Structures are given as structure tokens and as C-alpha cells.
């Protein structure tokens, strides 16, 4: 497993190794969710690359950039047994050198939900992912369903900018009690960790109503809100039943819907979603 820190080294490795490439972009502090993406990439490609970069441009001024968990030695020890060929660990100055002034903006699908709650977030995401696609030129790139809107935004960007690659979306990996794995879960104290299962329970309530035949968007949202209201530590930011492609809020749902929510548990902001179909 080669670990490199420069774009030039990535391109040299990319040129020297033949066959298809699968890329798993991450911000590090890896967990089983990330590792499931790596395993999928290993099964489907000749070469597997992982990027580890805490991207400052996707954090707002009052968000957790400074304290975002980092442990490169641990990350590399988790990746080594999985057959990863190349790990890219750039500095901020390598990705955004002096004078950098270009950004990628995805419009409508980046505006609601996370886009409304975190202005500029998807501008940073789209820019760094666009750069990674250009640097690696993979045949496939792997993302988790947990960040559902990010997947929609990246697919839109890849389509609009004519990237010749497949976006592969892998299922959310969860703890036994349903909590979606996230690097930010490390922020939760024991009481908050217990309370955090309310996200899964709220989504499960919407799913149960959907399976029982409910298709009214507002009623499905009310099912989620009712569960969240039962948890004193939960501070909902948004509750959504939206079209999975456009992310427009649904009044009456059709064959599919994206149920998603963002909730603060203490000082920790968590997101999760189910695809209803």
C-alpha cells in the first residue's frame, strides 16, 4: 500500500498501474462504513485508491473543523489489510495552493436540507470531489447512502460536467441499535449516545407508515416529528420527505421518497435517512 501526499505522486502511480481504478474519498477517522466502501471497491476494480483529507472548504465558520477527529496512523492500519493500493493524504496547501480561486457550484439540489442548514457546504464538497475525480480519473467512485444529499449533488455534478465514471452508492452501515456510523459519533457522551437512536426510530416510524400505505408527505413528516419530540435531548433542525432525485418536498408521494433528518444531540449534529420504496 503506497501512501502519497502530492498530486504528482498520485498521477505517477495512476500511470504506472494498469486496469480499472476505484476511488473512495474520505475525511479520515475511518469506521466500518468507510471500510465497507473499500471492500466494495476492492471487489469491483483492479486498483483501489482512498483519499484522506479533512476538507476545510466544506465547513462553516462555526462548525467543527478544528476538532474534527483525526488519526492517520489508525486509518492506515485499518486500510492495510483490505488490499488498498494507494492512499492519498494531501495537505491543505496541496489541494488549495496560494491563489486558488475556483469553485464548483451545484444549484437546485444543493439548496434545501443540508444546503440550507450549512451555507457553502456543498460548494466545498463539489469542489474537492471534482478535484479528486480529475486527479485520480477513476472508473468508479464510492460513497455511502448515509450522506444522501451529498450523493445527489455529486451525481448531478458528475453528469453535468461529463465525468466518465460510475458513482457507486453503498448502504448505510449501522450499530446494532440502528445508529448510523459516523466519525462524529465519537463526540457523544453515554447519555447522548443513548438518545441518538431517536434518529433511527423516527425514520423507522416513517417507514412503517409508508409500508402501511401512507403516502401523504406531511403525515409522514409528522410521524418522524412525534418520535423526535419524545426524546428530550433531541433538537431537530429539519425533517424531510422529499423526491429522491430533486429533493423537493413531497405533498403526495409516488413510488419512492427520501426520508431524512438532521438532529442535534447535545452539541453534536447528526444526519440520517431512509429511502422509502
Protein backbone atom coordinates (compact mmCIF):
# COMPACT_ATOMS: atom_id res chain seq x y z
CA UNK A 1 0.00 0.00 0.00
CA UNK A 2 1.58 3.24 -1.16
CA UNK A 3 0.87 6.39 0.85
CA UNK A 4 1.47 9.63 -1.05
CA UNK A 5 0.95 13.30 -0.26
CA UNK A 6 1.17 15.04 -3.65
CA UNK A 7 -0.97 15.19 -6.76
CA UNK A 8 2.12 14.47 -8.85
CA UNK A 9 2.69 11.21 -6.96
CA UNK A 10 -0.93 10.16 -7.46
CA UNK A 11 -0.69 10.74 -11.19
CA UNK A 12 2.59 8.83 -11.38
CA UNK A 13 1.05 5.85 -9.56
CA UNK A 14 -2.08 6.08 -11.69
CA UNK A 15 0.03 5.94 -14.85
CA UNK A 16 2.20 3.07 -13.64
CA UNK A 17 -0.66 0.75 -12.62
CA UNK A 18 -2.93 -0.60 -15.31
CA UNK A 19 -6.55 -1.63 -15.08
CA UNK A 20 -9.65 -0.09 -13.56
CA UNK A 21 -9.49 2.21 -10.56
CA UNK A 22 -12.00 2.58 -7.74
CA UNK A 23 -11.77 5.69 -5.56
CA UNK A 24 -13.10 6.03 -2.01
CA UNK A 25 -12.96 9.69 -0.92
CA UNK A 26 -12.94 10.14 2.88
CA UNK A 27 -12.15 12.68 5.57
CA UNK A 28 -10.44 10.02 7.65
CA UNK A 29 -11.16 8.74 11.17
CA UNK A 30 -12.39 5.67 9.39
CA UNK A 31 -15.14 3.38 10.62
CA UNK A 32 -16.88 0.29 9.28
CA UNK A 33 -18.98 2.40 6.94
CA UNK A 34 -15.85 3.61 5.14
CA UNK A 35 -14.34 0.14 5.17
CA UNK A 36 -17.45 -1.32 3.53
CA UNK A 37 -16.90 1.11 0.64
CA UNK A 38 -13.28 -0.01 0.36
CA UNK A 39 -14.29 -3.68 0.28
CA UNK A 40 -16.83 -2.97 -2.46
CA UNK A 41 -14.20 -1.08 -4.44
CA UNK A 42 -11.73 -3.94 -3.97
CA UNK A 43 -14.26 -6.43 -5.33
CA UNK A 44 -15.03 -4.37 -8.44
CA UNK A 45 -11.70 -2.86 -9.55
CA UNK A 46 -8.13 -3.78 -10.40
CA UNK A 47 -6.76 -0.91 -8.30
CA UNK A 48 -8.23 0.77 -5.21
CA UNK A 49 -7.39 4.27 -4.01
CA UNK A 50 -8.51 6.03 -0.82
CA UNK A 51 -8.17 9.74 -0.17
CA UNK A 52 -7.97 11.07 3.39
CA UNK A 53 -8.47 14.82 3.54
CA UNK A 54 -10.41 16.94 6.03
CA UNK A 55 -11.66 19.47 3.52
CA UNK A 56 -11.80 22.95 5.11
CA UNK A 57 -13.96 24.47 2.39
CA UNK A 58 -16.99 22.36 3.34
CA UNK A 59 -17.00 23.56 6.96
CA UNK A 60 -18.79 26.72 8.02
CA UNK A 61 -17.13 29.33 10.27
CA UNK A 62 -18.75 27.97 13.44
CA UNK A 63 -18.52 24.26 12.63
CA UNK A 64 -16.16 21.58 13.92
CA UNK A 65 -13.20 21.80 11.52
CA UNK A 66 -10.64 22.31 14.30
CA UNK A 67 -11.87 19.42 16.42
CA UNK A 68 -12.90 17.02 13.66
CA UNK A 69 -11.38 13.66 14.70
CA UNK A 70 -8.11 12.74 13.02
CA UNK A 71 -5.88 9.67 13.45
CA UNK A 72 -3.88 8.87 10.32
CA UNK A 73 -1.88 6.03 11.85
CA UNK A 74 -5.10 4.28 12.89
CA UNK A 75 -6.67 4.88 9.47
CA UNK A 76 -3.72 3.37 7.63
CA UNK A 77 -3.72 0.33 9.92
CA UNK A 78 -7.38 -0.27 9.05
CA UNK A 79 -6.79 0.11 5.31
CA UNK A 80 -3.67 -2.05 5.00
CA UNK A 81 -5.40 -5.46 5.38
CA UNK A 82 -8.07 -4.56 2.80
CA UNK A 83 -5.80 -4.58 -0.24
CA UNK A 84 -5.76 -0.84 -0.86
CA UNK A 85 -3.19 0.10 -3.48
CA UNK A 86 -2.88 3.85 -3.00
CA UNK A 87 -3.71 6.27 -0.18
CA UNK A 88 -3.63 10.00 -0.89
CA UNK A 89 -3.12 12.21 2.19
CA UNK A 90 -2.67 15.75 0.89
CA UNK A 91 -2.10 18.91 2.89
CA UNK A 92 -4.48 21.83 2.60
CA UNK A 93 -1.87 23.73 0.60
CA UNK A 94 -1.54 20.81 -1.84
CA UNK A 95 -5.28 20.88 -2.58
CA UNK A 96 -5.71 24.65 -2.34
CA UNK A 97 -2.40 26.31 -3.24
CA UNK A 98 -1.80 30.01 -2.85
CA UNK A 99 -4.01 31.97 -5.22
CA UNK A 100 -6.65 29.24 -5.55
CA UNK A 101 -9.93 30.89 -6.62
CA UNK A 102 -12.07 28.35 -8.45
CA UNK A 103 -15.14 26.58 -7.09
CA UNK A 104 -17.80 24.20 -8.34
CA UNK A 105 -21.39 25.16 -7.53
CA UNK A 106 -24.29 22.77 -7.98
CA UNK A 107 -27.55 24.69 -7.95
CA UNK A 108 -31.02 23.38 -7.11
CA UNK A 109 -30.32 20.03 -5.46
CA UNK A 110 -27.73 21.66 -3.18
CA UNK A 111 -30.11 24.32 -1.83
CA UNK A 112 -32.51 22.54 0.58
CA UNK A 113 -31.84 20.43 3.68
CA UNK A 114 -28.09 20.38 4.37
CA UNK A 115 -27.60 23.17 1.86
CA UNK A 116 -29.98 25.46 3.75
CA UNK A 117 -28.61 24.48 7.16
CA UNK A 118 -24.93 24.73 6.13
CA UNK A 119 -24.49 27.51 3.55
CA UNK A 120 -21.49 26.88 1.31
CA UNK A 121 -21.13 23.26 2.42
CA UNK A 122 -21.90 21.67 -0.94
CA UNK A 123 -19.79 24.23 -2.78
CA UNK A 124 -16.85 22.87 -0.81
CA UNK A 125 -17.90 19.26 -1.31
CA UNK A 126 -18.42 19.61 -5.06
CA UNK A 127 -15.12 21.44 -5.50
CA UNK A 128 -12.98 18.93 -3.62
CA UNK A 129 -14.70 15.90 -5.19
CA UNK A 130 -14.31 17.44 -8.65
CA UNK A 131 -10.60 17.88 -7.95
CA UNK A 132 -10.28 14.28 -6.74
CA UNK A 133 -12.04 12.98 -9.85
CA UNK A 134 -9.64 14.97 -12.01
CA UNK A 135 -6.58 13.85 -10.04
CA UNK A 136 -7.41 10.12 -9.94
CA UNK A 137 -9.56 9.71 -13.07
CA UNK A 138 -11.19 6.59 -11.60
CA UNK A 139 -13.66 4.36 -13.38
CA UNK A 140 -15.78 4.19 -10.21
CA UNK A 141 -16.14 6.33 -7.07
CA UNK A 142 -17.76 5.04 -3.88
CA UNK A 143 -19.99 6.93 -1.46
CA UNK A 144 -22.27 5.98 1.42
CA UNK A 145 -26.05 6.38 1.38
CA UNK A 146 -25.89 8.00 4.84
CA UNK A 147 -24.95 11.28 3.16
CA UNK A 148 -27.93 11.09 0.81
CA UNK A 149 -27.95 14.69 -0.38
CA UNK A 150 -24.20 14.60 -0.96
CA UNK A 151 -24.77 11.63 -3.28
CA UNK A 152 -27.44 13.54 -5.21
CA UNK A 153 -25.17 16.58 -5.53
CA UNK A 154 -22.15 14.56 -6.66
CA UNK A 155 -24.18 12.60 -9.20
CA UNK A 156 -25.53 15.87 -10.60
CA UNK A 157 -22.05 17.36 -10.80
CA UNK A 158 -20.59 14.26 -12.47
CA UNK A 159 -23.41 14.22 -15.01
CA UNK A 160 -23.31 17.94 -15.74
CA UNK A 161 -19.51 18.09 -16.07
CA UNK A 162 -19.30 14.89 -18.15
CA UNK A 163 -17.11 12.85 -15.84
CA UNK A 164 -16.61 9.43 -17.38
CA UNK A 165 -17.11 7.37 -14.22
CA UNK A 166 -19.71 5.47 -12.25
CA UNK A 167 -20.94 6.77 -8.89
CA UNK A 168 -21.48 3.71 -6.69
CA UNK A 169 -23.70 4.23 -3.64
CA UNK A 170 -23.38 1.71 -0.81
CA UNK A 171 -25.85 1.04 2.04
CA UNK A 172 -25.60 2.86 5.36
CA UNK A 173 -23.78 0.79 7.98
CA UNK A 174 -25.38 0.88 11.43
CA UNK A 175 -24.72 -0.09 15.01
CA UNK A 176 -26.85 -2.90 16.46
CA UNK A 177 -29.33 -0.33 17.84
CA UNK A 178 -29.71 1.38 14.47
CA UNK A 179 -27.44 4.42 14.90
CA UNK A 180 -25.74 5.18 11.58
CA UNK A 181 -21.96 5.02 11.81
CA UNK A 182 -20.35 8.46 11.66
CA UNK A 183 -16.95 9.85 12.59
CA UNK A 184 -18.81 12.44 14.67
CA UNK A 185 -20.37 9.78 16.91
CA UNK A 186 -17.17 9.98 18.95
CA UNK A 187 -18.41 13.35 20.26
CA UNK A 188 -21.39 11.74 22.06
CA UNK A 189 -21.25 11.06 25.79
CA UNK A 190 -23.04 7.90 27.06
CA UNK A 191 -26.38 9.66 27.68
CA UNK A 192 -26.24 11.37 24.28
CA UNK A 193 -25.28 8.11 22.61
CA UNK A 194 -28.42 6.51 24.03
CA UNK A 195 -30.52 9.45 22.88
CA UNK A 196 -29.04 9.40 19.37
CA UNK A 197 -31.01 6.27 18.48
CA UNK A 198 -34.03 8.57 18.15
CA UNK A 199 -32.98 9.34 14.55
CA UNK A 200 -33.29 5.69 13.57
CA UNK A 201 -36.55 5.34 15.47
CA UNK A 202 -38.03 8.41 13.76
CA UNK A 203 -37.09 7.13 10.32
CA UNK A 204 -38.44 3.69 11.21
CA UNK A 205 -41.78 5.27 12.13
CA UNK A 206 -41.98 6.90 8.71
CA UNK A 207 -41.01 3.64 7.05
CA UNK A 208 -43.69 1.72 8.97
CA UNK A 209 -46.33 4.23 7.95
CA UNK A 210 -45.14 4.05 4.33
CA UNK A 211 -45.32 0.27 4.34
CA UNK A 212 -48.85 0.54 5.76
CA UNK A 213 -49.81 2.61 2.72
CA UNK A 214 -49.35 6.20 3.90
CA UNK A 215 -48.30 8.48 1.03
CA UNK A 216 -49.12 11.94 2.40
CA UNK A 217 -45.80 13.73 2.80
CA UNK A 218 -46.84 15.88 5.76
CA UNK A 219 -48.28 12.94 7.66
CA UNK A 220 -45.05 11.02 7.16
CA UNK A 221 -43.10 14.03 8.45
CA UNK A 222 -45.43 14.18 11.47
CA UNK A 223 -44.65 10.55 12.30
CA UNK A 224 -40.96 11.47 12.48
CA UNK A 225 -41.56 14.66 14.47
CA UNK A 226 -43.64 12.79 17.04
CA UNK A 227 -40.83 10.32 17.73
CA UNK A 228 -38.24 13.12 17.94
CA UNK A 229 -40.46 15.01 20.41
CA UNK A 230 -40.30 12.01 22.74
CA UNK A 231 -36.55 12.48 23.26
CA UNK A 232 -35.67 15.49 25.48
CA UNK A 233 -32.07 15.67 24.21
CA UNK A 234 -33.10 15.82 20.54
CA UNK A 235 -33.16 19.22 18.84
CA UNK A 236 -34.40 18.70 15.26
CA UNK A 237 -33.05 21.00 12.53
CA UNK A 238 -35.12 19.59 9.70
CA UNK A 239 -37.43 16.66 8.96
CA UNK A 240 -37.97 15.86 5.29
CA UNK A 241 -39.96 13.62 2.96
CA UNK A 242 -38.60 14.53 -0.47
CA UNK A 243 -38.24 13.36 -4.03
CA UNK A 244 -35.04 11.22 -4.09
CA UNK A 245 -33.78 12.88 -7.28
CA UNK A 246 -34.78 16.55 -6.95
CA UNK A 247 -35.01 16.74 -3.14
CA UNK A 248 -38.21 18.77 -3.49
CA UNK A 249 -40.50 18.22 -0.51
CA UNK A 250 -43.37 15.89 -1.35
CA UNK A 251 -47.05 16.51 -0.67
CA UNK A 252 -48.25 13.20 -2.04
CA UNK A 253 -45.53 10.61 -2.55
CA UNK A 254 -45.29 8.25 -5.51
CA UNK A 255 -43.29 5.06 -5.74
CA UNK A 256 -40.23 6.37 -3.89
CA UNK A 257 -39.37 9.02 -1.32
CA UNK A 258 -36.32 10.04 0.68
CA UNK A 259 -36.99 10.38 4.40
CA UNK A 260 -34.18 12.38 6.00
CA UNK A 261 -33.49 14.45 9.08
CA UNK A 262 -30.82 16.41 10.90
CA UNK A 263 -30.88 16.47 14.70
CA UNK A 264 -28.62 17.94 17.34
CA UNK A 265 -27.96 15.72 20.33
CA UNK A 266 -26.18 17.98 22.79
CA UNK A 267 -23.59 19.80 20.71
CA UNK A 268 -23.33 17.03 18.09
CA UNK A 269 -25.18 17.34 14.81
CA UNK A 270 -26.27 14.01 13.30
CA UNK A 271 -27.96 13.19 9.99
CA UNK A 272 -29.62 10.04 8.69
CA UNK A 273 -32.07 8.88 6.04
CA UNK A 274 -34.12 6.01 4.67
CA UNK A 275 -35.15 5.54 1.06
CA UNK A 276 -38.85 4.62 1.08
CA UNK A 277 -39.86 2.43 -1.83
